[in-house]
Amino acid sequence: MVTFSRLLHANAVDPMLRSDEGSLTLLYPALTRGEKRLCCLLSLDMDAKHMARLLMIQPDSVKKTRHRLRRKLGMKPDETFTSFFSSL
């Protein structure tokens, strides 16, 4: 089973999201560690069920956090996370 830390160590996630010095942290310092982890997985365009398995949480928790992230990041309703992160 692939864990979140293995995913990060395999360099599968964009460095801007992986490190604390990355632009995501600089642009949005109020994001929690869990929200940053979810951002990493959202940038990979994973579905909620797969993200929940990697983070060891319920799929409903992923959906709720994803909704809160949209508000915190000031995303447009029709904007995808993949396009949002690629524009950073």
N, C-alpha and C. Protein backbone atom coordinates (compact mmCIF):
# COMPACT_ATOMS: atom_id res chain seq x y z
N MET A 1 0.84 -1.19 0.00
CA MET A 1 0.00 0.00 0.00
C MET A 1 0.88 1.25 0.00
N VAL A 2 0.53 2.20 -0.81
CA VAL A 2 1.26 3.46 -0.89
C VAL A 2 0.76 4.40 0.20
N THR A 3 1.68 4.88 1.03
CA THR A 3 1.31 5.85 2.06
C THR A 3 1.67 7.24 1.57
N PHE A 4 1.14 8.24 2.26
CA PHE A 4 1.40 9.61 1.86
C PHE A 4 2.88 9.93 1.92
N SER A 5 3.57 9.48 2.96
CA SER A 5 5.00 9.79 3.07
C SER A 5 5.80 9.12 1.96
N ARG A 6 5.42 7.90 1.56
CA ARG A 6 6.10 7.25 0.45
C ARG A 6 5.87 8.01 -0.84
N LEU A 7 4.67 8.54 -1.01
CA LEU A 7 4.36 9.32 -2.20
C LEU A 7 5.26 10.56 -2.27
N LEU A 8 5.45 11.21 -1.13
CA LEU A 8 6.32 12.39 -1.10
C LEU A 8 7.77 12.01 -1.34
N HIS A 9 8.24 10.94 -0.72
CA HIS A 9 9.63 10.55 -0.88
C HIS A 9 9.92 10.06 -2.29
N ALA A 10 8.92 9.62 -2.99
CA ALA A 10 9.12 9.16 -4.36
C ALA A 10 9.14 10.33 -5.33
N ASN A 11 9.06 11.56 -4.82
CA ASN A 11 9.07 12.77 -5.63
C ASN A 11 7.92 12.80 -6.65
N ALA A 12 6.80 12.21 -6.28
CA ALA A 12 5.64 12.20 -7.17
C ALA A 12 4.87 13.50 -7.08
N VAL A 13 5.17 14.30 -6.09
CA VAL A 13 4.42 15.53 -5.85
C VAL A 13 5.30 16.72 -6.21
N ASP A 14 4.69 17.71 -6.80
CA ASP A 14 5.39 18.92 -7.21
C ASP A 14 6.09 19.56 -6.01
N PRO A 15 7.35 19.94 -6.15
CA PRO A 15 8.11 20.53 -5.04
C PRO A 15 7.46 21.78 -4.43
N MET A 16 6.71 22.53 -5.21
CA MET A 16 6.09 23.73 -4.62
C MET A 16 5.08 23.36 -3.54
N LEU A 17 4.52 22.17 -3.62
CA LEU A 17 3.57 21.72 -2.62
C LEU A 17 4.24 20.87 -1.55
N ARG A 18 5.36 20.26 -1.88
CA ARG A 18 6.02 19.33 -0.99
C ARG A 18 6.73 20.03 0.17
N SER A 19 7.41 21.12 -0.08
CA SER A 19 8.24 21.73 0.95
C SER A 19 7.53 22.88 1.65
N ASP A 20 7.97 23.13 2.88
CA ASP A 20 7.41 24.25 3.64
C ASP A 20 7.86 25.58 3.07
N GLU A 21 8.92 25.58 2.28
CA GLU A 21 9.38 26.82 1.66
C GLU A 21 8.66 27.09 0.34
N GLY A 22 7.80 26.18 -0.04
CA GLY A 22 7.13 26.27 -1.33
C GLY A 22 6.18 27.44 -1.43
N SER A 23 5.79 27.74 -2.65
CA SER A 23 4.94 28.90 -2.91
C SER A 23 3.56 28.76 -2.30
N LEU A 24 3.06 27.54 -2.14
CA LEU A 24 1.75 27.36 -1.53
C LEU A 24 1.74 27.88 -0.10
N THR A 25 2.79 27.56 0.65
CA THR A 25 2.89 28.03 2.03
C THR A 25 3.10 29.54 2.08
N LEU A 26 3.86 30.06 1.15
CA LEU A 26 4.09 31.51 1.14
C LEU A 26 2.83 32.28 0.78
N LEU A 27 2.07 31.75 -0.18
CA LEU A 27 0.85 32.44 -0.62
C LEU A 27 -0.32 32.23 0.34
N TYR A 28 -0.35 31.09 1.00
CA TYR A 28 -1.47 30.75 1.89
C TYR A 28 -0.93 30.22 3.21
N PRO A 29 -0.38 31.10 4.06
CA PRO A 29 0.23 30.64 5.31
C PRO A 29 -0.77 30.07 6.32
N ALA A 30 -2.05 30.34 6.15
CA ALA A 30 -3.06 29.86 7.09
C ALA A 30 -3.44 28.40 6.88
N LEU A 31 -2.92 27.78 5.81
CA LEU A 31 -3.25 26.37 5.56
C LEU A 31 -2.63 25.48 6.62
N THR A 32 -3.42 24.52 7.08
CA THR A 32 -2.91 23.56 8.06
C THR A 32 -2.07 22.49 7.36
N ARG A 33 -1.39 21.71 8.14
CA ARG A 33 -0.56 20.64 7.57
C ARG A 33 -1.44 19.64 6.79
N GLY A 34 -2.60 19.32 7.36
CA GLY A 34 -3.52 18.40 6.69
C GLY A 34 -4.04 18.97 5.38
N GLU A 35 -4.31 20.27 5.35
CA GLU A 35 -4.78 20.91 4.12
C GLU A 35 -3.69 20.92 3.05
N LYS A 36 -2.45 21.11 3.48
CA LYS A 36 -1.33 21.06 2.52
C LYS A 36 -1.18 19.66 1.94
N ARG A 37 -1.34 18.65 2.78
CA ARG A 37 -1.27 17.28 2.29
C ARG A 37 -2.37 17.02 1.26
N LEU A 38 -3.56 17.49 1.56
CA LEU A 38 -4.66 17.31 0.63
C LEU A 38 -4.39 18.05 -0.67
N CYS A 39 -3.79 19.22 -0.59
CA CYS A 39 -3.43 19.97 -1.79
C CYS A 39 -2.48 19.17 -2.67
N CYS A 40 -1.52 18.49 -2.04
CA CYS A 40 -0.59 17.66 -2.80
C CYS A 40 -1.33 16.60 -3.60
N LEU A 41 -2.26 15.95 -2.95
CA LEU A 41 -3.01 14.89 -3.62
C LEU A 41 -3.98 15.44 -4.65
N LEU A 42 -4.57 16.59 -4.35
CA LEU A 42 -5.48 17.22 -5.31
C LEU A 42 -4.73 17.65 -6.57
N SER A 43 -3.48 18.05 -6.40
CA SER A 43 -2.71 18.46 -7.57
C SER A 43 -2.42 17.28 -8.49
N LEU A 44 -2.48 16.06 -7.93
CA LEU A 44 -2.29 14.85 -8.72
C LEU A 44 -3.61 14.36 -9.33
N ASP A 45 -4.68 15.09 -9.06
CA ASP A 45 -6.01 14.79 -9.61
C ASP A 45 -6.53 13.42 -9.16
N MET A 46 -6.33 13.12 -7.87
CA MET A 46 -6.83 11.86 -7.31
C MET A 46 -8.29 12.00 -6.91
N ASP A 47 -9.00 10.89 -6.89
CA ASP A 47 -10.39 10.93 -6.43
C ASP A 47 -10.42 10.85 -4.90
N ALA A 48 -11.57 11.22 -4.33
CA ALA A 48 -11.70 11.33 -2.88
C ALA A 48 -11.47 10.00 -2.17
N LYS A 49 -11.92 8.92 -2.77
CA LYS A 49 -11.78 7.61 -2.13
C LYS A 49 -10.31 7.22 -2.01
N HIS A 50 -9.54 7.46 -3.06
CA HIS A 50 -8.11 7.14 -3.04
C HIS A 50 -7.36 8.04 -2.06
N MET A 51 -7.70 9.33 -2.05
CA MET A 51 -7.05 10.25 -1.11
C MET A 51 -7.33 9.84 0.33
N ALA A 52 -8.58 9.43 0.58
CA ALA A 52 -8.96 9.02 1.94
C ALA A 52 -8.14 7.82 2.39
N ARG A 53 -7.92 6.88 1.49
CA ARG A 53 -7.11 5.70 1.83
C ARG A 53 -5.68 6.10 2.15
N LEU A 54 -5.10 7.00 1.34
CA LEU A 54 -3.72 7.43 1.58
C LEU A 54 -3.57 8.20 2.88
N LEU A 55 -4.57 9.03 3.20
CA LEU A 55 -4.50 9.85 4.41
C LEU A 55 -5.07 9.16 5.63
N MET A 56 -5.64 7.97 5.40
CA MET A 56 -6.26 7.18 6.48
C MET A 56 -7.38 7.96 7.17
N ILE A 57 -8.24 8.56 6.37
CA ILE A 57 -9.42 9.26 6.86
C ILE A 57 -10.63 8.82 6.03
N GLN A 58 -11.81 9.26 6.43
CA GLN A 58 -13.03 8.92 5.72
C GLN A 58 -13.16 9.74 4.44
N PRO A 59 -13.75 9.17 3.38
CA PRO A 59 -13.97 9.93 2.14
C PRO A 59 -14.79 11.20 2.35
N ASP A 60 -15.74 11.17 3.29
CA ASP A 60 -16.53 12.37 3.57
C ASP A 60 -15.66 13.49 4.15
N SER A 61 -14.64 13.12 4.93
CA SER A 61 -13.72 14.12 5.47
C SER A 61 -12.93 14.79 4.35
N VAL A 62 -12.55 14.01 3.34
CA VAL A 62 -11.84 14.57 2.18
C VAL A 62 -12.75 15.57 1.47
N LYS A 63 -14.00 15.21 1.28
CA LYS A 63 -14.94 16.09 0.57
C LYS A 63 -15.17 17.39 1.33
N LYS A 64 -15.30 17.29 2.65
CA LYS A 64 -15.51 18.49 3.47
C LYS A 64 -14.28 19.39 3.45
N THR A 65 -13.11 18.78 3.58
CA THR A 65 -11.87 19.56 3.57
C THR A 65 -11.65 20.20 2.21
N ARG A 66 -11.98 19.48 1.15
CA ARG A 66 -11.86 20.02 -0.21
C ARG A 66 -12.76 21.25 -0.38
N HIS A 67 -13.96 21.18 0.19
CA HIS A 67 -14.88 22.32 0.12
C HIS A 67 -14.31 23.52 0.89
N ARG A 68 -13.77 23.26 2.08
CA ARG A 68 -13.18 24.34 2.89
C ARG A 68 -11.96 24.95 2.20
N LEU A 69 -11.18 24.09 1.54
CA LEU A 69 -10.00 24.57 0.82
C LEU A 69 -10.39 25.53 -0.30
N ARG A 70 -11.45 25.21 -1.02
CA ARG A 70 -11.92 26.10 -2.09
C ARG A 70 -12.16 27.50 -1.54
N ARG A 71 -12.79 27.57 -0.37
CA ARG A 71 -13.05 28.88 0.25
C ARG A 71 -11.76 29.55 0.69
N LYS A 72 -10.88 28.82 1.37
CA LYS A 72 -9.62 29.39 1.86
C LYS A 72 -8.73 29.89 0.74
N LEU A 73 -8.72 29.16 -0.37
CA LEU A 73 -7.85 29.52 -1.50
C LEU A 73 -8.49 30.55 -2.41
N GLY A 74 -9.77 30.86 -2.19
CA GLY A 74 -10.46 31.85 -3.02
C GLY A 74 -10.67 31.37 -4.45
N MET A 75 -10.94 30.08 -4.59
CA MET A 75 -11.13 29.51 -5.93
C MET A 75 -12.51 29.83 -6.49
N LYS A 76 -12.57 29.93 -7.81
CA LYS A 76 -13.85 30.11 -8.48
C LYS A 76 -14.60 28.79 -8.46
N PRO A 77 -15.94 28.83 -8.46
CA PRO A 77 -16.73 27.58 -8.39
C PRO A 77 -16.45 26.60 -9.53
N ASP A 78 -16.16 27.10 -10.71
CA ASP A 78 -15.94 26.22 -11.85
C ASP A 78 -14.47 25.85 -12.07
N GLU A 79 -13.58 26.32 -11.20
CA GLU A 79 -12.15 26.08 -11.34
C GLU A 79 -11.76 24.73 -10.72
N THR A 80 -10.94 23.98 -11.40
CA THR A 80 -10.46 22.70 -10.86
C THR A 80 -9.20 22.93 -10.03
N PHE A 81 -8.96 22.01 -9.11
CA PHE A 81 -7.75 22.13 -8.30
C PHE A 81 -6.50 21.99 -9.15
N THR A 82 -6.55 21.12 -10.14
CA THR A 82 -5.39 20.92 -11.01
C THR A 82 -5.02 22.21 -11.74
N SER A 83 -6.01 22.89 -12.29
CA SER A 83 -5.71 24.14 -12.99
C SER A 83 -5.29 25.24 -12.01
N PHE A 84 -5.88 25.25 -10.82
CA PHE A 84 -5.52 26.24 -9.81
C PHE A 84 -4.06 26.09 -9.42
N PHE A 85 -3.63 24.86 -9.12
CA PHE A 85 -2.26 24.65 -8.68
C PHE A 85 -1.26 24.86 -9.81
N SER A 86 -1.64 24.58 -11.02
CA SER A 86 -0.72 24.80 -12.12
C SER A 86 -0.52 26.29 -12.40
N SER A 87 -1.45 27.13 -11.93
CA SER A 87 -1.32 28.57 -12.15
C SER A 87 -0.51 29.26 -11.06
N LEU A 88 -0.13 28.53 -10.00
CA LEU A 88 0.65 29.14 -8.92
C LEU A 88 2.08 29.37 -9.35
